[in-house]
Amino acid sequence: MPLRITVDPDAPTAPYEQLRAQIAEQARGGALPVGHRLPTVRALAGELGLAANTVAKAYRALEADGVIETRGRHGTFVAAAGDAAAREAAAAAAEYVRRARRLGLDRAAALAAVEAALRAGYGPES
């Protein structure tokens, strides 16, 4: 199952972010199954015509998000991202609640702020 990535150098989004987003989407959508071995940083950089540091930055971000995992000399693999993403989202939500309470927001105001952020980030509900 090959990795399918296209990087548009004229896009307003940085190449590393395009790479990160496409790998994350393919991993979470199942196009890249858990355990799939990704190309090395150098191999993917050569294939896409990018600097190795650009690919390495995307891989670091994906690893921090729990989408991929590096197993030393064995390579980089797609991780069981669903569990990691759910844990990270729950931790972020708990931190938001702590911060909202520190700011003195009541439940309705805290929820309204979240809903406004979701609309801004995801667009209006369909």
N, C-alpha and C. Protein backbone atom coordinates (compact mmCIF):
# COMPACT_ATOMS: atom_id res chain seq x y z
N MET A 1 0.85 -1.18 0.00
CA MET A 1 0.00 0.00 0.00
C MET A 1 0.90 1.24 0.00
N PRO A 2 1.03 1.92 -1.11
CA PRO A 2 1.94 3.06 -1.19
C PRO A 2 1.37 4.30 -0.52
N LEU A 3 2.28 5.10 -0.02
CA LEU A 3 1.94 6.39 0.56
C LEU A 3 1.66 7.34 -0.60
N ARG A 4 0.54 8.01 -0.57
CA ARG A 4 0.18 8.93 -1.66
C ARG A 4 0.17 10.35 -1.13
N ILE A 5 1.20 11.08 -1.47
CA ILE A 5 1.38 12.44 -0.98
C ILE A 5 1.65 13.36 -2.16
N THR A 6 1.00 14.50 -2.16
CA THR A 6 1.32 15.55 -3.12
C THR A 6 1.56 16.83 -2.34
N VAL A 7 2.63 17.49 -2.66
CA VAL A 7 2.97 18.74 -2.00
C VAL A 7 2.92 19.84 -3.04
N ASP A 8 2.11 20.86 -2.76
CA ASP A 8 1.96 21.99 -3.68
C ASP A 8 2.85 23.12 -3.17
N PRO A 9 3.95 23.41 -3.88
CA PRO A 9 4.86 24.46 -3.41
C PRO A 9 4.23 25.85 -3.44
N ASP A 10 3.16 26.02 -4.19
CA ASP A 10 2.49 27.32 -4.28
C ASP A 10 1.36 27.49 -3.28
N ALA A 11 1.08 26.44 -2.51
CA ALA A 11 -0.01 26.51 -1.52
C ALA A 11 0.41 27.41 -0.36
N PRO A 12 -0.56 28.05 0.29
CA PRO A 12 -0.22 28.90 1.43
C PRO A 12 0.23 28.09 2.66
N THR A 13 -0.05 26.80 2.67
CA THR A 13 0.33 25.93 3.77
C THR A 13 1.76 25.44 3.55
N ALA A 14 2.56 25.45 4.59
CA ALA A 14 3.95 25.01 4.50
C ALA A 14 4.02 23.55 4.05
N PRO A 15 5.06 23.19 3.30
CA PRO A 15 5.19 21.80 2.83
C PRO A 15 5.16 20.76 3.96
N TYR A 16 5.82 21.04 5.09
CA TYR A 16 5.82 20.05 6.17
C TYR A 16 4.41 19.84 6.70
N GLU A 17 3.61 20.92 6.73
CA GLU A 17 2.23 20.82 7.23
C GLU A 17 1.36 20.07 6.23
N GLN A 18 1.58 20.27 4.94
CA GLN A 18 0.85 19.51 3.93
C GLN A 18 1.15 18.02 4.09
N LEU A 19 2.43 17.71 4.27
CA LEU A 19 2.86 16.33 4.46
C LEU A 19 2.25 15.73 5.72
N ARG A 20 2.34 16.46 6.82
CA ARG A 20 1.79 16.00 8.10
C ARG A 20 0.30 15.73 7.99
N ALA A 21 -0.43 16.67 7.41
CA ALA A 21 -1.89 16.54 7.31
C ALA A 21 -2.29 15.35 6.43
N GLN A 22 -1.59 15.14 5.33
CA GLN A 22 -1.95 14.04 4.43
C GLN A 22 -1.65 12.67 5.04
N ILE A 23 -0.52 12.56 5.72
CA ILE A 23 -0.21 11.28 6.37
C ILE A 23 -1.20 11.02 7.49
N ALA A 24 -1.51 12.04 8.29
CA ALA A 24 -2.47 11.88 9.39
C ALA A 24 -3.83 11.46 8.85
N GLU A 25 -4.27 12.11 7.79
CA GLU A 25 -5.58 11.78 7.20
C GLU A 25 -5.61 10.35 6.68
N GLN A 26 -4.55 9.94 6.01
CA GLN A 26 -4.50 8.58 5.47
C GLN A 26 -4.42 7.54 6.59
N ALA A 27 -3.71 7.86 7.66
CA ALA A 27 -3.60 6.93 8.79
C ALA A 27 -4.94 6.82 9.51
N ARG A 28 -5.57 7.93 9.76
CA ARG A 28 -6.84 7.91 10.49
C ARG A 28 -7.98 7.38 9.64
N GLY A 29 -7.87 7.55 8.33
CA GLY A 29 -8.92 7.07 7.44
C GLY A 29 -8.76 5.61 7.05
N GLY A 30 -7.65 4.99 7.42
CA GLY A 30 -7.44 3.58 7.13
C GLY A 30 -6.70 3.29 5.84
N ALA A 31 -6.40 4.32 5.04
CA ALA A 31 -5.63 4.09 3.81
C ALA A 31 -4.22 3.62 4.15
N LEU A 32 -3.72 4.06 5.29
CA LEU A 32 -2.45 3.57 5.83
C LEU A 32 -2.80 2.81 7.10
N PRO A 33 -2.80 1.50 7.07
CA PRO A 33 -3.21 0.73 8.25
C PRO A 33 -2.18 0.78 9.37
N VAL A 34 -2.64 0.50 10.58
CA VAL A 34 -1.75 0.41 11.73
C VAL A 34 -0.66 -0.60 11.42
N GLY A 35 0.58 -0.21 11.70
CA GLY A 35 1.71 -1.09 11.45
C GLY A 35 2.36 -0.90 10.10
N HIS A 36 1.75 -0.09 9.23
CA HIS A 36 2.34 0.16 7.90
C HIS A 36 3.66 0.91 8.08
N ARG A 37 4.70 0.42 7.42
CA ARG A 37 6.01 1.05 7.51
C ARG A 37 6.09 2.21 6.54
N LEU A 38 6.47 3.37 7.05
CA LEU A 38 6.62 4.56 6.22
C LEU A 38 8.03 4.63 5.65
N PRO A 39 8.21 5.35 4.54
CA PRO A 39 9.55 5.52 3.99
C PRO A 39 10.45 6.25 4.98
N THR A 40 11.76 6.06 4.82
CA THR A 40 12.69 6.82 5.65
C THR A 40 12.56 8.30 5.30
N VAL A 41 13.05 9.13 6.20
CA VAL A 41 13.01 10.58 5.97
C VAL A 41 13.70 10.91 4.65
N ARG A 42 14.88 10.37 4.45
CA ARG A 42 15.63 10.68 3.23
C ARG A 42 14.93 10.17 1.98
N ALA A 43 14.38 8.96 2.05
CA ALA A 43 13.70 8.40 0.88
C ALA A 43 12.48 9.24 0.51
N LEU A 44 11.67 9.61 1.50
CA LEU A 44 10.48 10.40 1.21
C LEU A 44 10.85 11.79 0.73
N ALA A 45 11.87 12.38 1.33
CA ALA A 45 12.33 13.70 0.89
C ALA A 45 12.76 13.64 -0.57
N GLY A 46 13.52 12.62 -0.94
CA GLY A 46 13.96 12.48 -2.33
C GLY A 46 12.80 12.28 -3.28
N GLU A 47 11.84 11.46 -2.86
CA GLU A 47 10.67 11.17 -3.70
C GLU A 47 9.83 12.42 -3.95
N LEU A 48 9.70 13.26 -2.91
CA LEU A 48 8.85 14.45 -3.02
C LEU A 48 9.60 15.71 -3.43
N GLY A 49 10.93 15.61 -3.51
CA GLY A 49 11.73 16.80 -3.85
C GLY A 49 11.76 17.81 -2.72
N LEU A 50 11.74 17.33 -1.49
CA LEU A 50 11.77 18.20 -0.30
C LEU A 50 13.09 18.04 0.43
N ALA A 51 13.40 18.98 1.28
CA ALA A 51 14.56 18.86 2.15
C ALA A 51 14.27 17.80 3.20
N ALA A 52 15.29 17.05 3.58
CA ALA A 52 15.12 16.03 4.62
C ALA A 52 14.60 16.63 5.91
N ASN A 53 15.03 17.84 6.24
CA ASN A 53 14.56 18.50 7.47
C ASN A 53 13.06 18.76 7.44
N THR A 54 12.51 19.01 6.26
CA THR A 54 11.07 19.24 6.11
C THR A 54 10.30 17.97 6.45
N VAL A 55 10.75 16.84 5.91
CA VAL A 55 10.10 15.56 6.19
C VAL A 55 10.29 15.19 7.66
N ALA A 56 11.49 15.41 8.18
CA ALA A 56 11.76 15.09 9.58
C ALA A 56 10.85 15.90 10.50
N LYS A 57 10.60 17.16 10.17
CA LYS A 57 9.72 18.00 10.98
C LYS A 57 8.29 17.45 10.97
N ALA A 58 7.83 17.02 9.80
CA ALA A 58 6.48 16.43 9.69
C ALA A 58 6.40 15.13 10.50
N TYR A 59 7.41 14.29 10.40
CA TYR A 59 7.43 13.04 11.15
C TYR A 59 7.44 13.31 12.65
N ARG A 60 8.21 14.30 13.10
CA ARG A 60 8.23 14.64 14.54
C ARG A 60 6.84 15.08 15.02
N ALA A 61 6.17 15.90 14.21
CA ALA A 61 4.83 16.36 14.58
C ALA A 61 3.85 15.19 14.62
N LEU A 62 3.95 14.30 13.65
CA LEU A 62 3.07 13.13 13.62
C LEU A 62 3.34 12.20 14.80
N GLU A 63 4.58 12.07 15.18
CA GLU A 63 4.91 11.23 16.33
C GLU A 63 4.39 11.87 17.61
N ALA A 64 4.52 13.19 17.73
CA ALA A 64 4.00 13.89 18.90
C ALA A 64 2.48 13.74 19.00
N ASP A 65 1.81 13.65 17.86
CA ASP A 65 0.35 13.49 17.83
C ASP A 65 -0.09 12.03 18.00
N GLY A 66 0.88 11.12 18.05
CA GLY A 66 0.54 9.71 18.21
C GLY A 66 0.09 9.02 16.94
N VAL A 67 0.33 9.64 15.80
CA VAL A 67 -0.10 9.05 14.52
C VAL A 67 0.92 8.02 14.04
N ILE A 68 2.20 8.31 14.26
CA ILE A 68 3.25 7.38 13.86
C ILE A 68 4.15 7.11 15.06
N GLU A 69 4.94 6.05 14.95
CA GLU A 69 5.92 5.74 15.98
C GLU A 69 7.20 5.28 15.33
N THR A 70 8.31 5.71 15.89
CA THR A 70 9.62 5.30 15.39
C THR A 70 10.13 4.19 16.28
N ARG A 71 10.57 3.12 15.64
CA ARG A 71 11.07 1.95 16.36
C ARG A 71 12.56 1.79 16.11
N GLY A 72 13.30 2.82 16.43
CA GLY A 72 14.74 2.78 16.27
C GLY A 72 15.17 2.43 14.86
N ARG A 73 16.06 1.46 14.74
CA ARG A 73 16.59 1.07 13.43
C ARG A 73 15.57 0.34 12.57
N HIS A 74 14.48 -0.07 13.16
CA HIS A 74 13.47 -0.83 12.41
C HIS A 74 12.61 0.06 11.51
N GLY A 75 12.56 1.36 11.80
CA GLY A 75 11.83 2.28 10.94
C GLY A 75 10.70 3.01 11.64
N THR A 76 9.90 3.66 10.83
CA THR A 76 8.78 4.46 11.30
C THR A 76 7.49 3.82 10.79
N PHE A 77 6.53 3.66 11.71
CA PHE A 77 5.31 2.93 11.40
C PHE A 77 4.07 3.73 11.81
N VAL A 78 2.96 3.43 11.16
CA VAL A 78 1.68 4.02 11.55
C VAL A 78 1.28 3.39 12.88
N ALA A 79 0.95 4.25 13.85
CA ALA A 79 0.57 3.80 15.19
C ALA A 79 -0.94 3.64 15.28
N ALA A 80 -1.39 3.10 16.37
CA ALA A 80 -2.82 3.00 16.65
C ALA A 80 -3.29 4.38 17.07
N ALA A 81 -3.46 5.26 16.10
CA ALA A 81 -3.68 6.69 16.35
C ALA A 81 -5.01 7.01 17.01
N GLY A 82 -6.02 6.21 16.79
CA GLY A 82 -7.33 6.52 17.35
C GLY A 82 -7.28 6.62 18.86
N ASP A 83 -6.65 5.65 19.51
CA ASP A 83 -6.56 5.68 20.96
C ASP A 83 -5.74 6.87 21.44
N ALA A 84 -4.61 7.12 20.80
CA ALA A 84 -3.76 8.24 21.20
C ALA A 84 -4.48 9.57 20.99
N ALA A 85 -5.18 9.69 19.87
CA ALA A 85 -5.90 10.93 19.59
C ALA A 85 -7.02 11.15 20.61
N ALA A 86 -7.73 10.10 20.95
CA ALA A 86 -8.81 10.22 21.93
C ALA A 86 -8.26 10.61 23.30
N ARG A 87 -7.14 10.00 23.69
CA ARG A 87 -6.52 10.34 24.98
C ARG A 87 -6.06 11.79 25.00
N GLU A 88 -5.43 12.22 23.90
CA GLU A 88 -4.94 13.59 23.84
C GLU A 88 -6.09 14.60 23.84
N ALA A 89 -7.17 14.29 23.13
CA ALA A 89 -8.33 15.18 23.12
C ALA A 89 -8.95 15.28 24.51
N ALA A 90 -9.04 14.15 25.22
CA ALA A 90 -9.59 14.16 26.58
C ALA A 90 -8.71 14.98 27.51
N ALA A 91 -7.41 14.86 27.37
CA ALA A 91 -6.49 15.63 28.20
C ALA A 91 -6.62 17.12 27.90
N ALA A 92 -6.74 17.47 26.62
CA ALA A 92 -6.90 18.87 26.25
C ALA A 92 -8.22 19.43 26.78
N ALA A 93 -9.27 18.63 26.72
CA ALA A 93 -10.57 19.07 27.24
C ALA A 93 -10.51 19.29 28.75
N ALA A 94 -9.86 18.38 29.45
CA ALA A 94 -9.73 18.52 30.91
C ALA A 94 -8.93 19.78 31.25
N GLU A 95 -7.88 20.03 30.51
CA GLU A 95 -7.08 21.25 30.74
C GLU A 95 -7.91 22.49 30.46
N TYR A 96 -8.74 22.45 29.41
CA TYR A 96 -9.60 23.58 29.10
C TYR A 96 -10.56 23.85 30.25
N VAL A 97 -11.15 22.81 30.81
CA VAL A 97 -12.08 22.97 31.94
C VAL A 97 -11.36 23.63 33.11
N ARG A 98 -10.16 23.14 33.43
CA ARG A 98 -9.40 23.75 34.54
C ARG A 98 -9.14 25.23 34.28
N ARG A 99 -8.76 25.55 33.05
CA ARG A 99 -8.46 26.95 32.72
C ARG A 99 -9.72 27.81 32.75
N ALA A 100 -10.81 27.30 32.20
CA ALA A 100 -12.07 28.06 32.19
C ALA A 100 -12.53 28.34 33.62
N ARG A 101 -12.40 27.37 34.50
CA ARG A 101 -12.79 27.58 35.91
C ARG A 101 -11.89 28.61 36.57
N ARG A 102 -10.59 28.56 36.28
CA ARG A 102 -9.66 29.56 36.83
C ARG A 102 -10.03 30.95 36.37
N LEU A 103 -10.52 31.06 35.14
CA LEU A 103 -10.93 32.35 34.60
C LEU A 103 -12.28 32.81 35.12
N GLY A 104 -12.96 31.94 35.85
CA GLY A 104 -14.25 32.30 36.42
C GLY A 104 -15.43 32.11 35.48
N LEU A 105 -15.23 31.37 34.38
CA LEU A 105 -16.34 31.14 33.45
C LEU A 105 -17.29 30.11 34.03
N ASP A 106 -18.60 30.35 33.86
CA ASP A 106 -19.54 29.30 34.25
C ASP A 106 -19.63 28.30 33.11
N ARG A 107 -20.36 27.22 33.34
CA ARG A 107 -20.45 26.14 32.36
C ARG A 107 -20.96 26.63 31.00
N ALA A 108 -21.98 27.47 31.00
CA ALA A 108 -22.56 27.96 29.75
C ALA A 108 -21.54 28.79 28.96
N ALA A 109 -20.81 29.65 29.64
CA ALA A 109 -19.81 30.49 28.96
C ALA A 109 -18.67 29.63 28.41
N ALA A 110 -18.23 28.64 29.19
CA ALA A 110 -17.16 27.75 28.74
C ALA A 110 -17.60 26.96 27.52
N LEU A 111 -18.82 26.45 27.55
CA LEU A 111 -19.35 25.68 26.43
C LEU A 111 -19.52 26.57 25.19
N ALA A 112 -19.96 27.80 25.39
CA ALA A 112 -20.13 28.73 24.27
C ALA A 112 -18.78 29.02 23.61
N ALA A 113 -17.73 29.13 24.40
CA ALA A 113 -16.40 29.37 23.84
C ALA A 113 -15.94 28.18 23.02
N VAL A 114 -16.21 26.98 23.50
CA VAL A 114 -15.84 25.77 22.76
C VAL A 114 -16.62 25.70 21.45
N GLU A 115 -17.90 25.96 21.52
CA GLU A 115 -18.72 25.90 20.30
C GLU A 115 -18.27 26.94 19.28
N ALA A 116 -17.90 28.13 19.72
CA ALA A 116 -17.39 29.16 18.80
C ALA A 116 -16.08 28.71 18.17
N ALA A 117 -15.21 28.10 18.95
CA ALA A 117 -13.94 27.61 18.42
C ALA A 117 -14.16 26.48 17.42
N LEU A 118 -15.10 25.59 17.71
CA LEU A 118 -15.41 24.49 16.78
C LEU A 118 -15.96 25.03 15.46
N ARG A 119 -16.85 26.03 15.55
CA ARG A 119 -17.39 26.63 14.32
C ARG A 119 -16.27 27.27 13.51
N ALA A 120 -15.35 27.93 14.20
CA ALA A 120 -14.24 28.59 13.50
C ALA A 120 -13.30 27.56 12.87
N GLY A 121 -13.09 26.44 13.56
CA GLY A 121 -12.16 25.44 13.06
C GLY A 121 -12.73 24.45 12.08
N TYR A 122 -14.01 24.13 12.24
CA TYR A 122 -14.65 23.11 11.40
C TYR A 122 -15.70 23.67 10.46
N GLY A 123 -16.10 24.89 10.66
CA GLY A 123 -17.17 25.46 9.86
C GLY A 123 -18.50 25.20 10.53
N PRO A 124 -19.55 25.84 10.02
CA PRO A 124 -20.88 25.66 10.64
C PRO A 124 -21.37 24.22 10.48
N GLU A 125 -22.26 23.84 11.40
CA GLU A 125 -22.84 22.49 11.34
C GLU A 125 -23.61 22.30 10.05
N SER A 126 -23.56 21.08 9.56
CA SER A 126 -24.30 20.79 8.32
C SER A 126 -25.72 20.44 8.64
